[in-house]
Amino acid sequence: MKPPAEGNGSGKIDIHQQDMGGWVRVFTDKTQIHHEDLPTFLSLGLTEWFRQRSHLTMRSLTGVVKDGDTVELHCWYECHIFPNMMQDPQAQR
């Protein structure tokens, strides 16, 4: 995701989503300078993660705050549709 370019034109913010098995962590690189719109970009990253996993439902969300700025999102989720294991040849063994 890229915010509007500022300064020398380097406006790239790398947003990462890490599935922790029951919850997902949305964060940026530790070396990233925190942009004032970072919470918005974290939220968009979380939205995209759920868009790609429509079988999951958000249960709760919390922001991780450092020096008054939101720097990470932690979101717990539930699975409401399970895959059909009978379609998987490995599952029939």
PDB file of N, CA and C in Angstrom:
ATOM      1  N   MET A   1       0.840  -1.178   0.000  1.00  0.00           N
ATOM      2  CA  MET A   1       0.000   0.000   0.000  1.00  0.00           C
ATOM      3  C   MET A   1       0.879   1.233   0.000  1.00  0.00           C
ATOM      4  N   LYS A   2       0.459   2.236  -0.728  1.00  0.00           N
ATOM      5  CA  LYS A   2       1.252   3.458  -0.789  1.00  0.00           C
ATOM      6  C   LYS A   2       0.413   4.660  -0.401  1.00  0.00           C
ATOM      7  N   PRO A   3       0.862   5.396   0.593  1.00  0.00           N
ATOM      8  CA  PRO A   3       0.203   6.667   0.905  1.00  0.00           C
ATOM      9  C   PRO A   3       0.646   7.701  -0.125  1.00  0.00           C
ATOM     10  N   PRO A   4       0.019   8.857  -0.115  1.00  0.00           N
ATOM     11  CA  PRO A   4       0.469   9.903  -1.029  1.00  0.00           C
ATOM     12  C   PRO A   4       1.950  10.191  -0.821  1.00  0.00           C
ATOM     13  N   ALA A   5       2.665  10.375  -1.911  1.00  0.00           N
ATOM     14  CA  ALA A   5       4.111  10.618  -1.828  1.00  0.00           C
ATOM     15  C   ALA A   5       4.400  11.941  -1.138  1.00  0.00           C
ATOM     16  N   GLU A   6       5.410  11.917  -0.288  1.00  0.00           N
ATOM     17  CA  GLU A   6       5.846  13.124   0.410  1.00  0.00           C
ATOM     18  C   GLU A   6       7.361  13.183   0.356  1.00  0.00           C
ATOM     19  N   GLY A   7       7.924  14.315   0.546  1.00  0.00           N
ATOM     20  CA  GLY A   7       9.376  14.465   0.642  1.00  0.00           C
ATOM     21  C   GLY A   7      10.092  14.007  -0.610  1.00  0.00           C
ATOM     22  N   ASN A   8      10.963  13.003  -0.465  1.00  0.00           N
ATOM     23  CA  ASN A   8      11.776  12.561  -1.594  1.00  0.00           C
ATOM     24  C   ASN A   8      11.042  11.578  -2.501  1.00  0.00           C
ATOM     25  N   GLY A   9       9.752  11.369  -2.279  1.00  0.00           N
ATOM     26  CA  GLY A   9       8.972  10.500  -3.141  1.00  0.00           C
ATOM     27  C   GLY A   9       8.881   9.070  -2.631  1.00  0.00           C
ATOM     28  N   SER A  10       9.550   8.763  -1.543  1.00  0.00           N
ATOM     29  CA  SER A  10       9.509   7.413  -0.987  1.00  0.00           C
ATOM     30  C   SER A  10       8.361   7.336   0.003  1.00  0.00           C
ATOM     31  N   GLY A  11       7.175   6.974  -0.476  1.00  0.00           N
ATOM     32  CA  GLY A  11       6.004   6.934   0.382  1.00  0.00           C
ATOM     33  C   GLY A  11       5.502   5.530   0.634  1.00  0.00           C
ATOM     34  N   LYS A  12       6.297   4.521   0.380  1.00  0.00           N
ATOM     35  CA  LYS A  12       5.856   3.141   0.503  1.00  0.00           C
ATOM     36  C   LYS A  12       5.828   2.714   1.973  1.00  0.00           C
ATOM     37  N   ILE A  13       4.712   2.093   2.357  1.00  0.00           N
ATOM     38  CA  ILE A  13       4.580   1.497   3.677  1.00  0.00           C
ATOM     39  C   ILE A  13       4.268   0.021   3.450  1.00  0.00           C
ATOM     40  N   ASP A  14       5.119  -0.858   3.938  1.00  0.00           N
ATOM     41  CA  ASP A  14       4.892  -2.294   3.804  1.00  0.00           C
ATOM     42  C   ASP A  14       4.058  -2.776   4.984  1.00  0.00           C
ATOM     43  N   ILE A  15       2.853  -3.295   4.679  1.00  0.00           N
ATOM     44  CA  ILE A  15       1.964  -3.831   5.688  1.00  0.00           C
ATOM     45  C   ILE A  15       2.009  -5.342   5.586  1.00  0.00           C
ATOM     46  N   HIS A  16       2.193  -5.995   6.729  1.00  0.00           N
ATOM     47  CA  HIS A  16       2.277  -7.452   6.774  1.00  0.00           C
ATOM     48  C   HIS A  16       1.128  -8.004   7.600  1.00  0.00           C
ATOM     49  N   GLN A  17       0.628  -9.163   7.192  1.00  0.00           N
ATOM     50  CA  GLN A  17      -0.389  -9.879   7.953  1.00  0.00           C
ATOM     51  C   GLN A  17       0.204 -11.241   8.312  1.00  0.00           C
ATOM     52  N   GLN A  18       0.168 -11.578   9.586  1.00  0.00           N
ATOM     53  CA  GLN A  18       0.710 -12.848  10.056  1.00  0.00           C
ATOM     54  C   GLN A  18      -0.385 -13.614  10.789  1.00  0.00           C
ATOM     55  N   ASP A  19      -0.811 -14.735  10.205  1.00  0.00           N
ATOM     56  CA  ASP A  19      -1.838 -15.564  10.822  1.00  0.00           C
ATOM     57  C   ASP A  19      -1.203 -16.343  11.966  1.00  0.00           C
ATOM     58  N   MET A  20      -1.723 -16.150  13.156  1.00  0.00           N
ATOM     59  CA  MET A  20      -1.167 -16.771  14.352  1.00  0.00           C
ATOM     60  C   MET A  20      -2.024 -17.957  14.819  1.00  0.00           C
ATOM     61  N   GLY A  21      -2.959 -18.394  13.990  1.00  0.00           N
ATOM     62  CA  GLY A  21      -3.820 -19.521  14.349  1.00  0.00           C
ATOM     63  C   GLY A  21      -4.867 -19.142  15.363  1.00  0.00           C
ATOM     64  N   GLY A  22      -5.926 -18.498  14.922  1.00  0.00           N
ATOM     65  CA  GLY A  22      -6.980 -18.009  15.818  1.00  0.00           C
ATOM     66  C   GLY A  22      -6.964 -16.505  15.955  1.00  0.00           C
ATOM     67  N   TRP A  23      -5.856 -15.903  15.608  1.00  0.00           N
ATOM     68  CA  TRP A  23      -5.773 -14.446  15.579  1.00  0.00           C
ATOM     69  C   TRP A  23      -4.752 -14.049  14.521  1.00  0.00           C
ATOM     70  N   VAL A  24      -4.883 -12.838  14.033  1.00  0.00           N
ATOM     71  CA  VAL A  24      -3.982 -12.332  13.001  1.00  0.00           C
ATOM     72  C   VAL A  24      -3.331 -11.047  13.501  1.00  0.00           C
ATOM     73  N   ARG A  25      -2.070 -10.912  13.176  1.00  0.00           N
ATOM     74  CA  ARG A  25      -1.289  -9.727  13.545  1.00  0.00           C
ATOM     75  C   ARG A  25      -1.047  -8.924  12.269  1.00  0.00           C
ATOM     76  N   VAL A  26      -1.389  -7.639  12.275  1.00  0.00           N
ATOM     77  CA  VAL A  26      -1.183  -6.745  11.139  1.00  0.00           C
ATOM     78  C   VAL A  26      -0.199  -5.672  11.589  1.00  0.00           C
ATOM     79  N   PHE A  27       0.900  -5.553  10.867  1.00  0.00           N
ATOM     80  CA  PHE A  27       1.985  -4.679  11.316  1.00  0.00           C
ATOM     81  C   PHE A  27       2.814  -4.211  10.127  1.00  0.00           C
ATOM     82  N   THR A  28       3.741  -3.319  10.393  1.00  0.00           N
ATOM     83  CA  THR A  28       4.662  -2.824   9.383  1.00  0.00           C
ATOM     84  C   THR A  28       6.085  -3.195   9.789  1.00  0.00           C
ATOM     85  N   ASP A  29       7.038  -2.948   8.909  1.00  0.00           N
ATOM     86  CA  ASP A  29       8.437  -3.235   9.224  1.00  0.00           C
ATOM     87  C   ASP A  29       8.870  -2.455  10.462  1.00  0.00           C
ATOM     88  N   LYS A  30       9.693  -3.068  11.293  1.00  0.00           N
ATOM     89  CA  LYS A  30      10.171  -2.389  12.505  1.00  0.00           C
ATOM     90  C   LYS A  30      10.989  -1.142  12.171  1.00  0.00           C
ATOM     91  N   THR A  31      11.636  -1.130  11.030  1.00  0.00           N
ATOM     92  CA  THR A  31      12.458   0.014  10.642  1.00  0.00           C
ATOM     93  C   THR A  31      11.640   1.118   9.980  1.00  0.00           C
ATOM     94  N   GLN A  32      10.361   0.856   9.767  1.00  0.00           N
ATOM     95  CA  GLN A  32       9.485   1.811   9.079  1.00  0.00           C
ATOM     96  C   GLN A  32       9.277   3.059   9.925  1.00  0.00           C
ATOM     97  N   ILE A  33       9.438   4.212   9.323  1.00  0.00           N
ATOM     98  CA  ILE A  33       9.092   5.468   9.992  1.00  0.00           C
ATOM     99  C   ILE A  33       7.565   5.548  10.014  1.00  0.00           C
ATOM    100  N   HIS A  34       6.999   5.835  11.167  1.00  0.00           N
ATOM    101  CA  HIS A  34       5.549   5.790  11.301  1.00  0.00           C
ATOM    102  C   HIS A  34       4.892   7.006  10.656  1.00  0.00           C
ATOM    103  N   HIS A  35       4.114   6.723   9.661  1.00  0.00           N
ATOM    104  CA  HIS A  35       3.344   7.715   8.918  1.00  0.00           C
ATOM    105  C   HIS A  35       2.077   8.023   9.709  1.00  0.00           C
ATOM    106  N   GLU A  36       1.589   9.242   9.656  1.00  0.00           N
ATOM    107  CA  GLU A  36       0.397   9.619  10.427  1.00  0.00           C
ATOM    108  C   GLU A  36      -0.833   8.823  10.012  1.00  0.00           C
ATOM    109  N   ASP A  37      -0.847   8.290   8.791  1.00  0.00           N
ATOM    110  CA  ASP A  37      -1.981   7.496   8.312  1.00  0.00           C
ATOM    111  C   ASP A  37      -1.775   6.004   8.525  1.00  0.00           C
ATOM    112  N   LEU A  38      -0.754   5.604   9.287  1.00  0.00           N
ATOM    113  CA  LEU A  38      -0.475   4.190   9.494  1.00  0.00           C
ATOM    114  C   LEU A  38      -1.685   3.416  10.024  1.00  0.00           C
ATOM    115  N   PRO A  39      -2.446   3.928  10.999  1.00  0.00           N
ATOM    116  CA  PRO A  39      -3.618   3.163  11.454  1.00  0.00           C
ATOM    117  C   PRO A  39      -4.602   2.860  10.321  1.00  0.00           C
ATOM    118  N   THR A  40      -4.771   3.790   9.406  1.00  0.00           N
ATOM    119  CA  THR A  40      -5.660   3.568   8.257  1.00  0.00           C
ATOM    120  C   THR A  40      -5.112   2.458   7.371  1.00  0.00           C
ATOM    121  N   PHE A  41      -3.815   2.469   7.109  1.00  0.00           N
ATOM    122  CA  PHE A  41      -3.213   1.446   6.263  1.00  0.00           C
ATOM    123  C   PHE A  41      -3.242   0.078   6.943  1.00  0.00           C
ATOM    124  N   LEU A  42      -3.073   0.039   8.267  1.00  0.00           N
ATOM    125  CA  LEU A  42      -3.196  -1.221   8.992  1.00  0.00           C
ATOM    126  C   LEU A  42      -4.616  -1.768   8.873  1.00  0.00           C
ATOM    127  N   SER A  43      -5.596  -0.887   9.006  1.00  0.00           N
ATOM    128  CA  SER A  43      -6.993  -1.280   8.883  1.00  0.00           C
ATOM    129  C   SER A  43      -7.296  -1.812   7.490  1.00  0.00           C
ATOM    130  N   LEU A  44      -6.778  -1.148   6.472  1.00  0.00           N
ATOM    131  CA  LEU A  44      -6.980  -1.620   5.101  1.00  0.00           C
ATOM    132  C   LEU A  44      -6.311  -2.978   4.885  1.00  0.00           C
ATOM    133  N   GLY A  45      -5.151  -3.188   5.492  1.00  0.00           N
ATOM    134  CA  GLY A  45      -4.469  -4.477   5.403  1.00  0.00           C
ATOM    135  C   GLY A  45      -5.284  -5.587   6.053  1.00  0.00           C
ATOM    136  N   LEU A  46      -5.903  -5.279   7.194  1.00  0.00           N
ATOM    137  CA  LEU A  46      -6.754  -6.251   7.868  1.00  0.00           C
ATOM    138  C   LEU A  46      -8.002  -6.546   7.040  1.00  0.00           C
ATOM    139  N   THR A  47      -8.588  -5.523   6.468  1.00  0.00           N
ATOM    140  CA  THR A  47      -9.768  -5.697   5.624  1.00  0.00           C
ATOM    141  C   THR A  47      -9.451  -6.610   4.448  1.00  0.00           C
ATOM    142  N   GLU A  48      -8.317  -6.385   3.805  1.00  0.00           N
ATOM    143  CA  GLU A  48      -7.921  -7.211   2.670  1.00  0.00           C
ATOM    144  C   GLU A  48      -7.680  -8.657   3.106  1.00  0.00           C
ATOM    145  N   TRP A  49      -7.082  -8.857   4.283  1.00  0.00           N
ATOM    146  CA  TRP A  49      -6.834 -10.203   4.791  1.00  0.00           C
ATOM    147  C   TRP A  49      -8.150 -10.959   4.957  1.00  0.00           C
ATOM    148  N   PHE A  50      -9.174 -10.298   5.537  1.00  0.00           N
ATOM    149  CA  PHE A  50     -10.482 -10.936   5.701  1.00  0.00           C
ATOM    150  C   PHE A  50     -11.194 -11.105   4.367  1.00  0.00           C
ATOM    151  N   ARG A  51     -11.010 -10.197   3.446  1.00  0.00           N
ATOM    152  CA  ARG A  51     -11.622 -10.319   2.128  1.00  0.00           C
ATOM    153  C   ARG A  51     -11.146 -11.603   1.442  1.00  0.00           C
ATOM    154  N   GLN A  52      -9.891 -11.957   1.643  1.00  0.00           N
ATOM    155  CA  GLN A  52      -9.338 -13.166   1.037  1.00  0.00           C
ATOM    156  C   GLN A  52      -9.711 -14.427   1.818  1.00  0.00           C
ATOM    157  N   ARG A  53     -10.320 -14.298   2.971  1.00  0.00           N
ATOM    158  CA  ARG A  53     -10.696 -15.421   3.831  1.00  0.00           C
ATOM    159  C   ARG A  53     -12.144 -15.231   4.300  1.00  0.00           C
ATOM    160  N   SER A  54     -13.067 -15.297   3.363  1.00  0.00           N
ATOM    161  CA  SER A  54     -14.470 -14.990   3.663  1.00  0.00           C
ATOM    162  C   SER A  54     -15.114 -16.006   4.603  1.00  0.00           C
ATOM    163  N   HIS A  55     -14.474 -17.134   4.860  1.00  0.00           N
ATOM    164  CA  HIS A  55     -15.006 -18.132   5.782  1.00  0.00           C
ATOM    165  C   HIS A  55     -14.713 -17.780   7.247  1.00  0.00           C
ATOM    166  N   LEU A  56     -13.952 -16.718   7.478  1.00  0.00           N
ATOM    167  CA  LEU A  56     -13.624 -16.293   8.837  1.00  0.00           C
ATOM    168  C   LEU A  56     -14.462 -15.088   9.242  1.00  0.00           C
ATOM    169  N   THR A  57     -14.758 -15.002  10.534  1.00  0.00           N
ATOM    170  CA  THR A  57     -15.528 -13.887  11.094  1.00  0.00           C
ATOM    171  C   THR A  57     -14.716 -13.230  12.202  1.00  0.00           C
ATOM    172  N   MET A  58     -14.610 -11.923  12.152  1.00  0.00           N
ATOM    173  CA  MET A  58     -13.892 -11.185  13.182  1.00  0.00           C
ATOM    174  C   MET A  58     -14.637 -11.297  14.506  1.00  0.00           C
ATOM    175  N   ARG A  59     -13.892 -11.628  15.552  1.00  0.00           N
ATOM    176  CA  ARG A  59     -14.475 -11.736  16.890  1.00  0.00           C
ATOM    177  C   ARG A  59     -14.133 -10.508  17.728  1.00  0.00           C
ATOM    178  N   SER A  60     -12.858 -10.129  17.765  1.00  0.00           N
ATOM    179  CA  SER A  60     -12.463  -8.934  18.514  1.00  0.00           C
ATOM    180  C   SER A  60     -11.176  -8.367  17.929  1.00  0.00           C
ATOM    181  N   LEU A  61     -10.933  -7.109  18.230  1.00  0.00           N
ATOM    182  CA  LEU A  61      -9.799  -6.390  17.657  1.00  0.00           C
ATOM    183  C   LEU A  61      -9.207  -5.470  18.712  1.00  0.00           C
ATOM    184  N   THR A  62      -7.894  -5.392  18.723  1.00  0.00           N
ATOM    185  CA  THR A  62      -7.237  -4.436  19.609  1.00  0.00           C
ATOM    186  C   THR A  62      -6.068  -3.811  18.870  1.00  0.00           C
ATOM    187  N   GLY A  63      -5.801  -2.582  19.177  1.00  0.00           N
ATOM    188  CA  GLY A  63      -4.661  -1.882  18.602  1.00  0.00           C
ATOM    189  C   GLY A  63      -3.489  -1.898  19.572  1.00  0.00           C
ATOM    190  N   VAL A  64      -2.300  -2.017  19.029  1.00  0.00           N
ATOM    191  CA  VAL A  64      -1.085  -1.917  19.832  1.00  0.00           C
ATOM    192  C   VAL A  64      -0.573  -0.496  19.652  1.00  0.00           C
ATOM    193  N   VAL A  65      -0.409   0.214  20.761  1.00  0.00           N
ATOM    194  CA  VAL A  65      -0.046   1.627  20.722  1.00  0.00           C
ATOM    195  C   VAL A  65       1.356   1.815  21.281  1.00  0.00           C
ATOM    196  N   LYS A  66       2.158   2.591  20.564  1.00  0.00           N
ATOM    197  CA  LYS A  66       3.516   2.915  21.016  1.00  0.00           C
ATOM    198  C   LYS A  66       3.691   4.425  20.914  1.00  0.00           C
ATOM    199  N   ASP A  67       4.045   5.050  22.007  1.00  0.00           N
ATOM    200  CA  ASP A  67       4.227   6.506  22.055  1.00  0.00           C
ATOM    201  C   ASP A  67       3.004   7.252  21.523  1.00  0.00           C
ATOM    202  N   GLY A  68       1.806   6.727  21.805  1.00  0.00           N
ATOM    203  CA  GLY A  68       0.567   7.380  21.399  1.00  0.00           C
ATOM    204  C   GLY A  68       0.127   7.092  19.980  1.00  0.00           C
ATOM    205  N   ASP A  69       0.879   6.265  19.238  1.00  0.00           N
ATOM    206  CA  ASP A  69       0.539   5.936  17.849  1.00  0.00           C
ATOM    207  C   ASP A  69       0.188   4.460  17.727  1.00  0.00           C
ATOM    208  N   THR A  70      -0.855   4.148  16.968  1.00  0.00           N
ATOM    209  CA  THR A  70      -1.202   2.759  16.694  1.00  0.00           C
ATOM    210  C   THR A  70      -0.175   2.200  15.725  1.00  0.00           C
ATOM    211  N   VAL A  71       0.506   1.111  16.129  1.00  0.00           N
ATOM    212  CA  VAL A  71       1.578   0.542  15.307  1.00  0.00           C
ATOM    213  C   VAL A  71       1.277  -0.889  14.861  1.00  0.00           C
ATOM    214  N   GLU A  72       0.282  -1.525  15.466  1.00  0.00           N
ATOM    215  CA  GLU A  72      -0.119  -2.878  15.081  1.00  0.00           C
ATOM    216  C   GLU A  72      -1.590  -3.064  15.382  1.00  0.00           C
ATOM    217  N   LEU A  73      -2.202  -4.017  14.683  1.00  0.00           N
ATOM    218  CA  LEU A  73      -3.543  -4.467  15.012  1.00  0.00           C
ATOM    219  C   LEU A  73      -3.469  -5.955  15.298  1.00  0.00           C
ATOM    220  N   HIS A  74      -4.159  -6.399  16.351  1.00  0.00           N
ATOM    221  CA  HIS A  74      -4.299  -7.815  16.648  1.00  0.00           C
ATOM    222  C   HIS A  74      -5.794  -8.123  16.595  1.00  0.00           C
ATOM    223  N   CYS A  75      -6.150  -9.117  15.792  1.00  0.00           N
ATOM    224  CA  CYS A  75      -7.561  -9.418  15.572  1.00  0.00           C
ATOM    225  C   CYS A  75      -7.795 -10.910  15.767  1.00  0.00           C
ATOM    226  N   TRP A  76      -8.746 -11.257  16.636  1.00  0.00           N
ATOM    227  CA  TRP A  76      -9.124 -12.645  16.841  1.00  0.00           C
ATOM    228  C   TRP A  76     -10.309 -12.952  15.954  1.00  0.00           C
ATOM    229  N   TYR A  77     -10.347 -14.181  15.445  1.00  0.00           N
ATOM    230  CA  TYR A  77     -11.398 -14.549  14.498  1.00  0.00           C
ATOM    231  C   TYR A  77     -11.930 -15.949  14.799  1.00  0.00           C
ATOM    232  N   GLU A  78     -13.088 -16.238  14.193  1.00  0.00           N
ATOM    233  CA  GLU A  78     -13.713 -17.551  14.272  1.00  0.00           C
ATOM    234  C   GLU A  78     -13.937 -18.057  12.861  1.00  0.00           C
ATOM    235  N   CYS A  79     -13.991 -19.361  12.726  1.00  0.00           N
ATOM    236  CA  CYS A  79     -14.268 -19.980  11.431  1.00  0.00           C
ATOM    237  C   CYS A  79     -15.722 -20.433  11.440  1.00  0.00           C
ATOM    238  N   HIS A  80     -16.525 -19.968  10.478  1.00  0.00           N
ATOM    239  CA  HIS A  80     -17.930 -20.359  10.456  1.00  0.00           C
ATOM    240  C   HIS A  80     -18.261 -21.285   9.295  1.00  0.00           C
ATOM    241  N   ILE A  81     -17.328 -21.528   8.385  1.00  0.00           N
ATOM    242  CA  ILE A  81     -17.509 -22.479   7.287  1.00  0.00           C
ATOM    243  C   ILE A  81     -16.245 -23.321   7.220  1.00  0.00           C
ATOM    244  N   PHE A  82     -16.407 -24.612   7.357  1.00  0.00           N
ATOM    245  CA  PHE A  82     -15.253 -25.501   7.315  1.00  0.00           C
ATOM    246  C   PHE A  82     -15.153 -26.151   5.947  1.00  0.00           C
ATOM    247  N   PRO A  83     -13.936 -26.430   5.485  1.00  0.00           N
ATOM    248  CA  PRO A  83     -13.773 -27.041   4.167  1.00  0.00           C
ATOM    249  C   PRO A  83     -14.355 -28.446   4.134  1.00  0.00           C
ATOM    250  N   ASN A  84     -14.804 -28.885   2.967  1.00  0.00           N
ATOM    251  CA  ASN A  84     -15.325 -30.225   2.761  1.00  0.00           C
ATOM    252  C   ASN A  84     -14.134 -31.171   2.657  1.00  0.00           C
ATOM    253  N   MET A  85     -13.878 -31.911   3.698  1.00  0.00           N
ATOM    254  CA  MET A  85     -12.719 -32.799   3.741  1.00  0.00           C
ATOM    255  C   MET A  85     -12.878 -33.995   2.808  1.00  0.00           C
ATOM    256  N   MET A  86     -14.090 -34.319   2.399  1.00  0.00           N
ATOM    257  CA  MET A  86     -14.315 -35.450   1.504  1.00  0.00           C
ATOM    258  C   MET A  86     -13.824 -35.155   0.090  1.00  0.00           C
ATOM    259  N   GLN A  87     -13.641 -33.902  -0.264  1.00  0.00           N
ATOM    260  CA  GLN A  87     -13.133 -33.546  -1.587  1.00  0.00           C
ATOM    261  C   GLN A  87     -11.620 -33.653  -1.655  1.00  0.00           C
ATOM    262  N   ASP A  88     -10.974 -33.741  -0.512  1.00  0.00           N
ATOM    263  CA  ASP A  88      -9.524 -33.816  -0.445  1.00  0.00           C
ATOM    264  C   ASP A  88      -9.114 -35.293  -0.454  1.00  0.00           C
ATOM    265  N   PRO A  89      -8.418 -35.755  -1.501  1.00  0.00           N
ATOM    266  CA  PRO A  89      -8.033 -37.169  -1.568  1.00  0.00           C
ATOM    267  C   PRO A  89      -7.189 -37.601  -0.359  1.00  0.00           C
ATOM    268  N   GLN A  90      -6.410 -36.696   0.210  1.00  0.00           N
ATOM    269  CA  GLN A  90      -5.583 -37.025   1.367  1.00  0.00           C
ATOM    270  C   GLN A  90      -6.441 -37.316   2.599  1.00  0.00           C
ATOM    271  N   ALA A  91      -7.622 -36.701   2.677  1.00  0.00           N
ATOM    272  CA  ALA A  91      -8.500 -36.860   3.838  1.00  0.00           C
ATOM    273  C   ALA A  91      -9.202 -38.210   3.845  1.00  0.00           C
ATOM    274  N   GLN A  92      -9.271 -38.892   2.723  1.00  0.00           N
ATOM    275  CA  GLN A  92      -9.989 -40.155   2.634  1.00  0.00           C
ATOM    276  C   GLN A  92      -9.122 -41.336   3.045  1.00  0.00           C
ATOM    277  N   ARG A  93      -7.901 -41.144   3.359  1.00  0.00           N
ATOM    278  CA  ARG A  93      -6.989 -42.247   3.745  1.00  0.00           C
ATOM    279  C   ARG A  93      -7.203 -42.697   5.138  1.00  0.00           C
TER     280      ARG A  93
END
